[in-house]
C-alpha atoms as a PDB file:
ATOM      1  CA  MET A   1    -131.049  20.949-149.732  1.00  0.00           C
ATOM      2  CA  LEU A   2    -131.799  20.185-146.480  1.00  0.00           C
ATOM      3  CA  LYS A   3    -129.696  23.064-145.360  1.00  0.00           C
ATOM      4  CA  SER A   4    -130.995  25.448-147.628  1.00  0.00           C
ATOM      5  CA  LEU A   5    -134.501  24.641-146.147  1.00  0.00           C
ATOM      6  CA  VAL A   6    -133.599  24.992-142.486  1.00  0.00           C
ATOM      7  CA  VAL A   7    -131.824  28.636-143.522  1.00  0.00           C
ATOM      8  CA  THR A   8    -134.821  29.892-145.615  1.00  0.00           C
ATOM      9  CA  SER A   9    -137.041  28.887-142.801  1.00  0.00           C
ATOM     10  CA  ALA A  10    -134.724  30.946-140.041  1.00  0.00           C
ATOM     11  CA  LEU A  11    -134.952  33.798-142.329  1.00  0.00           C
ATOM     12  CA  VAL A  12    -138.630  33.531-142.892  1.00  0.00           C
ATOM     13  CA  LEU A  13    -139.109  32.720-139.199  1.00  0.00           C
ATOM     14  CA  SER A  14    -136.975  35.612-137.595  1.00  0.00           C
ATOM     15  CA  GLY A  15    -138.745  38.040-140.217  1.00  0.00           C
ATOM     16  CA  VAL A  16    -141.828  37.077-138.700  1.00  0.00           C
ATOM     17  CA  ALA A  17    -141.017  37.724-135.212  1.00  0.00           C
ATOM     18  CA  GLN A  18    -138.990  40.954-135.934  1.00  0.00           C
ATOM     19  CA  ALA A  19    -142.219  42.109-137.941  1.00  0.00           C
ATOM     20  CA  CYS A  20    -144.112  42.349-135.083  1.00  0.00           C
ATOM     21  CA  ILE A  21    -141.796  44.557-133.212  1.00  0.00           C
ATOM     22  CA  PRO A  22    -142.840  48.198-134.064  1.00  0.00           C
ATOM     23  CA  GLU A  23    -139.936  51.398-134.007  1.00  0.00           C
ATOM     24  CA  PRO A  24    -141.559  52.758-130.451  1.00  0.00           C
ATOM     25  CA  ILE A  25    -140.644  49.173-128.848  1.00  0.00           C
ATOM     26  CA  GLU A  26    -137.024  49.716-129.450  1.00  0.00           C
ATOM     27  CA  PRO A  27    -136.066  51.660-126.524  1.00  0.00           C
ATOM     28  CA  LEU A  28    -138.349  49.673-124.188  1.00  0.00           C
ATOM     29  CA  GLN A  29    -136.786  46.556-122.138  1.00  0.00           C
ATOM     30  CA  GLN A  30    -138.615  42.775-121.489  1.00  0.00           C
ATOM     31  CA  VAL A  31    -139.738  42.550-118.202  1.00  0.00           C
ATOM     32  CA  GLY A  32    -141.246  39.027-118.475  1.00  0.00           C
ATOM     33  CA  GLN A  33    -142.757  36.372-120.512  1.00  0.00           C
ATOM     34  CA  THR A  34    -145.408  33.567-120.123  1.00  0.00           C
ATOM     35  CA  ARG A  35    -147.170  30.838-122.303  1.00  0.00           C
ATOM     36  CA  LEU A  36    -151.142  30.966-121.671  1.00  0.00           C
ATOM     37  CA  SER A  37    -152.472  27.258-122.348  1.00  0.00           C
ATOM     38  CA  VAL A  38    -156.221  26.476-121.769  1.00  0.00           C
ATOM     39  CA  TRP A  39    -156.665  22.817-121.158  1.00  0.00           C
ATOM     40  CA  PHE A  40    -154.094  21.227-123.820  1.00  0.00           C
ATOM     41  CA  TRP A  41    -154.205  24.087-126.134  1.00  0.00           C
ATOM     42  CA  ASP A  42    -151.526  26.780-126.679  1.00  0.00           C
ATOM     43  CA  VAL A  43    -152.925  29.960-127.105  1.00  0.00           C
ATOM     44  CA  TYR A  44    -150.263  32.414-127.047  1.00  0.00           C
ATOM     45  CA  ASP A  45    -146.860  33.653-126.149  1.00  0.00           C
ATOM     46  CA  ALA A  46    -146.827  37.273-124.227  1.00  0.00           C
ATOM     47  CA  ALA A  47    -144.200  39.633-123.300  1.00  0.00           C
ATOM     48  CA  LEU A  48    -144.244  42.730-121.607  1.00  0.00           C
ATOM     49  CA  TYR A  49    -141.764  45.502-122.227  1.00  0.00           C
ATOM     50  CA  THR A  50    -141.086  48.740-119.943  1.00  0.00           C
ATOM     51  CA  ASP A  51    -138.903  51.404-120.377  1.00  0.00           C
ATOM     52  CA  SER A  52    -137.462  50.828-117.466  1.00  0.00           C
ATOM     53  CA  GLY A  53    -137.507  47.327-117.397  1.00  0.00           C
ATOM     54  CA  ASN A  54    -138.946  46.728-114.503  1.00  0.00           C
ATOM     55  CA  TYR A  55    -142.867  46.763-113.986  1.00  0.00           C
ATOM     56  CA  GLU A  56    -142.871  49.042-110.566  1.00  0.00           C
ATOM     57  CA  THR A  57    -141.025  51.695-111.954  1.00  0.00           C
ATOM     58  CA  TYR A  58    -142.156  52.993-115.584  1.00  0.00           C
ATOM     59  CA  GLU A  59    -143.442  55.452-117.812  1.00  0.00           C
ATOM     60  CA  GLN A  60    -144.351  53.571-120.939  1.00  0.00           C
ATOM     61  CA  ARG A  61    -145.274  49.911-121.638  1.00  0.00           C
ATOM     62  CA  ALA A  62    -146.113  47.283-124.613  1.00  0.00           C
ATOM     63  CA  LEU A  63    -147.539  44.055-124.476  1.00  0.00           C
ATOM     64  CA  LYS A  64    -147.009  41.694-127.102  1.00  0.00           C
ATOM     65  CA  LEU A  65    -149.248  38.655-127.924  1.00  0.00           C
ATOM     66  CA  ASN A  66    -147.780  35.810-130.274  1.00  0.00           C
ATOM     67  CA  TYR A  67    -150.549  33.726-131.094  1.00  0.00           C
ATOM     68  CA  LEU A  68    -150.109  29.762-131.173  1.00  0.00           C
ATOM     69  CA  ARG A  69    -153.481  28.778-132.897  1.00  0.00           C
ATOM     70  CA  LYS A  70    -156.645  30.354-135.157  1.00  0.00           C
ATOM     71  CA  ILE A  71    -158.480  32.774-133.506  1.00  0.00           C
ATOM     72  CA  SER A  72    -161.421  35.257-134.775  1.00  0.00           C
ATOM     73  CA  ALA A  73    -161.210  38.962-134.277  1.00  0.00           C
ATOM     74  CA  ASP A  74    -165.070  38.628-132.868  1.00  0.00           C
ATOM     75  CA  ASP A  75    -163.624  36.312-130.459  1.00  0.00           C
ATOM     76  CA  LEU A  76    -160.860  38.307-129.455  1.00  0.00           C
ATOM     77  CA  VAL A  77    -163.040  41.357-128.761  1.00  0.00           C
ATOM     78  CA  ASP A  78    -165.607  39.201-126.714  1.00  0.00           C
ATOM     79  CA  THR A  79    -163.080  37.700-125.027  1.00  0.00           C
ATOM     80  CA  THR A  80    -162.001  41.216-123.806  1.00  0.00           C
ATOM     81  CA  ALA A  81    -165.162  42.206-122.609  1.00  0.00           C
ATOM     82  CA  ASP A  82    -165.580  38.883-120.589  1.00  0.00           C
ATOM     83  CA  GLU A  83    -162.298  39.341-118.948  1.00  0.00           C
ATOM     84  CA  TRP A  84    -163.195  43.112-118.306  1.00  0.00           C
ATOM     85  CA  GLN A  85    -166.431  41.395-116.663  1.00  0.00           C
ATOM     86  CA  LYS A  86    -164.420  39.058-114.517  1.00  0.00           C
ATOM     87  CA  LEU A  87    -162.338  41.677-113.426  1.00  0.00           C
ATOM     88  CA  GLU A  88    -165.460  43.881-112.391  1.00  0.00           C
ATOM     89  CA  ILE A  89    -164.601  46.470-114.685  1.00  0.00           C
ATOM     90  CA  GLU A  90    -168.150  48.211-115.451  1.00  0.00           C
ATOM     91  CA  LEU A  91    -168.711  48.466-119.183  1.00  0.00           C
ATOM     92  CA  THR A  92    -169.705  51.820-119.420  1.00  0.00           C
ATOM     93  CA  GLU A  93    -171.159  52.921-122.649  1.00  0.00           C
ATOM     94  CA  GLU A  94    -167.156  54.419-123.509  1.00  0.00           C
ATOM     95  CA  HIS A  95    -165.898  50.454-122.958  1.00  0.00           C
ATOM     96  CA  GLN A  96    -168.607  49.351-125.460  1.00  0.00           C
ATOM     97  CA  GLN A  97    -167.296  52.213-128.039  1.00  0.00           C
ATOM     98  CA  TRP A  98    -163.842  50.541-127.351  1.00  0.00           C
ATOM     99  CA  LEU A  99    -164.801  47.184-128.264  1.00  0.00           C
ATOM    100  CA  VAL A 100    -166.591  48.293-131.359  1.00  0.00           C
ATOM    101  CA  GLN A 101    -163.390  49.993-132.630  1.00  0.00           C
ATOM    102  CA  LEU A 102    -161.285  46.686-131.653  1.00  0.00           C
ATOM    103  CA  ARG A 103    -163.988  44.690-133.855  1.00  0.00           C
ATOM    104  CA  THR A 104    -162.804  46.775-136.753  1.00  0.00           C
ATOM    105  CA  MET A 105    -159.209  47.350-136.005  1.00  0.00           C
ATOM    106  CA  TRP A 106    -158.319  43.765-134.824  1.00  0.00           C
ATOM    107  CA  PRO A 107    -157.992  41.186-137.861  1.00  0.00           C
ATOM    108  CA  ASP A 108    -158.663  37.318-137.362  1.00  0.00           C
ATOM    109  CA  VAL A 109    -154.908  35.496-136.335  1.00  0.00           C
ATOM    110  CA  SER A 110    -153.787  32.340-136.778  1.00  0.00           C
ATOM    111  CA  ASN A 111    -150.415  30.663-135.584  1.00  0.00           C
ATOM    112  CA  GLY A 112    -147.242  32.793-136.104  1.00  0.00           C
ATOM    113  CA  ASP A 113    -149.427  36.276-136.069  1.00  0.00           C
ATOM    114  CA  CYS A 114    -148.929  38.832-133.349  1.00  0.00           C
ATOM    115  CA  LEU A 115    -150.627  41.591-131.925  1.00  0.00           C
ATOM    116  CA  MET A 116    -149.061  43.940-129.589  1.00  0.00           C
ATOM    117  CA  LEU A 117    -150.034  47.158-127.888  1.00  0.00           C
ATOM    118  CA  VAL A 118    -147.564  50.157-127.233  1.00  0.00           C
ATOM    119  CA  GLU A 119    -148.347  52.813-124.978  1.00  0.00           C
ATOM    120  CA  ASP A 120    -147.864  56.182-126.313  1.00  0.00           C
ATOM    121  CA  ASP A 121    -146.470  59.051-124.720  1.00  0.00           C
ATOM    122  CA  ALA A 122    -150.097  60.304-123.482  1.00  0.00           C
ATOM    123  CA  GLY A 123    -150.961  56.656-122.377  1.00  0.00           C
ATOM    124  CA  ALA A 124    -152.976  56.008-125.474  1.00  0.00           C
ATOM    125  CA  SER A 125    -152.864  52.689-126.810  1.00  0.00           C
ATOM    126  CA  VAL A 126    -151.277  52.021-130.338  1.00  0.00           C
ATOM    127  CA  PHE A 127    -151.903  48.685-131.695  1.00  0.00           C
ATOM    128  CA  TYR A 128    -149.543  46.682-134.299  1.00  0.00           C
ATOM    129  CA  ASN A 129    -149.681  43.336-136.023  1.00  0.00           C
ATOM    130  CA  ASN A 130    -146.952  41.423-138.291  1.00  0.00           C
ATOM    131  CA  GLN A 131    -148.189  43.983-140.859  1.00  0.00           C
ATOM    132  CA  GLY A 132    -147.668  47.592-139.166  1.00  0.00           C
ATOM    133  CA  GLU A 133    -149.690  49.706-137.286  1.00  0.00           C
ATOM    134  CA  LEU A 134    -153.570  48.537-136.900  1.00  0.00           C
ATOM    135  CA  GLY A 135    -154.935  51.400-135.224  1.00  0.00           C
ATOM    136  CA  ARG A 136    -154.903  53.445-131.800  1.00  0.00           C
ATOM    137  CA  ILE A 137    -157.455  54.280-129.224  1.00  0.00           C
ATOM    138  CA  PRO A 138    -156.465  57.719-127.594  1.00  0.00           C
ATOM    139  CA  SER A 139    -157.878  56.567-123.755  1.00  0.00           C
ATOM    140  CA  ALA A 140    -155.762  56.392-120.756  1.00  0.00           C
ATOM    141  CA  GLN A 141    -158.711  54.617-119.331  1.00  0.00           C
ATOM    142  CA  PHE A 142    -158.787  52.083-122.170  1.00  0.00           C
ATOM    143  CA  THR A 143    -154.798  51.320-121.896  1.00  0.00           C
ATOM    144  CA  GLU A 144    -155.307  50.641-118.270  1.00  0.00           C
ATOM    145  CA  ASP A 145    -158.472  48.567-118.538  1.00  0.00           C
ATOM    146  CA  PHE A 146    -156.926  46.706-121.575  1.00  0.00           C
ATOM    147  CA  LEU A 147    -153.633  45.675-119.621  1.00  0.00           C
ATOM    148  CA  ALA A 148    -155.578  45.100-116.596  1.00  0.00           C
ATOM    149  CA  ILE A 149    -156.660  41.706-118.247  1.00  0.00           C
ATOM    150  CA  TRP A 150    -152.949  40.328-118.176  1.00  0.00           C
ATOM    151  CA  LEU A 151    -151.498  42.485-115.210  1.00  0.00           C
ATOM    152  CA  SER A 152    -153.992  43.519-112.671  1.00  0.00           C
ATOM    153  CA  PRO A 153    -153.520  41.351-109.528  1.00  0.00           C
ATOM    154  CA  LYS A 154    -157.023  40.273-110.170  1.00  0.00           C
ATOM    155  CA  SER A 155    -156.442  38.513-113.302  1.00  0.00           C
ATOM    156  CA  ARG A 156    -157.802  35.036-114.230  1.00  0.00           C
ATOM    157  CA  PHE A 157    -154.141  33.493-115.113  1.00  0.00           C
ATOM    158  CA  ARG A 158    -152.608  34.564-112.102  1.00  0.00           C
ATOM    159  CA  GLU A 159    -149.150  32.562-112.817  1.00  0.00           C
ATOM    160  CA  GLU A 160    -148.806  34.017-116.151  1.00  0.00           C
ATOM    161  CA  ARG A 161    -149.395  37.734-114.993  1.00  0.00           C
ATOM    162  CA  ASP A 162    -146.691  36.878-112.163  1.00  0.00           C
ATOM    163  CA  GLU A 163    -144.141  35.605-115.139  1.00  0.00           C
ATOM    164  CA  LEU A 164    -145.253  38.690-117.112  1.00  0.00           C
ATOM    165  CA  VAL A 165    -144.610  41.529-114.256  1.00  0.00           C
ATOM    166  CA  GLY A 166    -141.255  39.601-112.836  1.00  0.00           C
ATOM    167  CA  ASP A 167    -143.132  38.310-110.155  1.00  0.00           C
ATOM    168  CA  ALA A 168    -142.751  34.795-110.666  1.00  0.00           C
ATOM    169  CA  SER A 169    -141.103  32.088-107.812  1.00  0.00           C
END
């Protein structure tokens, strides 16, 4: 009975992990990974992928966040705006429109859920979760600004940023 439960749990968990990896990411290679913890709360595990497997030379990127706690979609969007401000990215009218799009696109997340951004050939952002494609924002500027939250040298979580881009010492 216990063996059956362990096997079933492993299959379910592997299905959840695989469900978050969309078809477009299959040719991409992982660059780095990290866990974001704030105070004593684990928030998510993050992984960065590129077509080259290197952050310095890439044509396509993807960022996968596996959530370890419950967070509302509104909190995710509000945090996006807050992080842009901390990076001194000017919140233009276009940024406000992107935030509205994210608010309607993203679901609430809980432990075991994922959100993933895959950059397409034109630099646009395509978002996925465990159920599949959530939507897209067809702007290379959005993609740059959104990924800057994790990848900018000015990121608030510098140690985690370095682990993602493969610069961890």
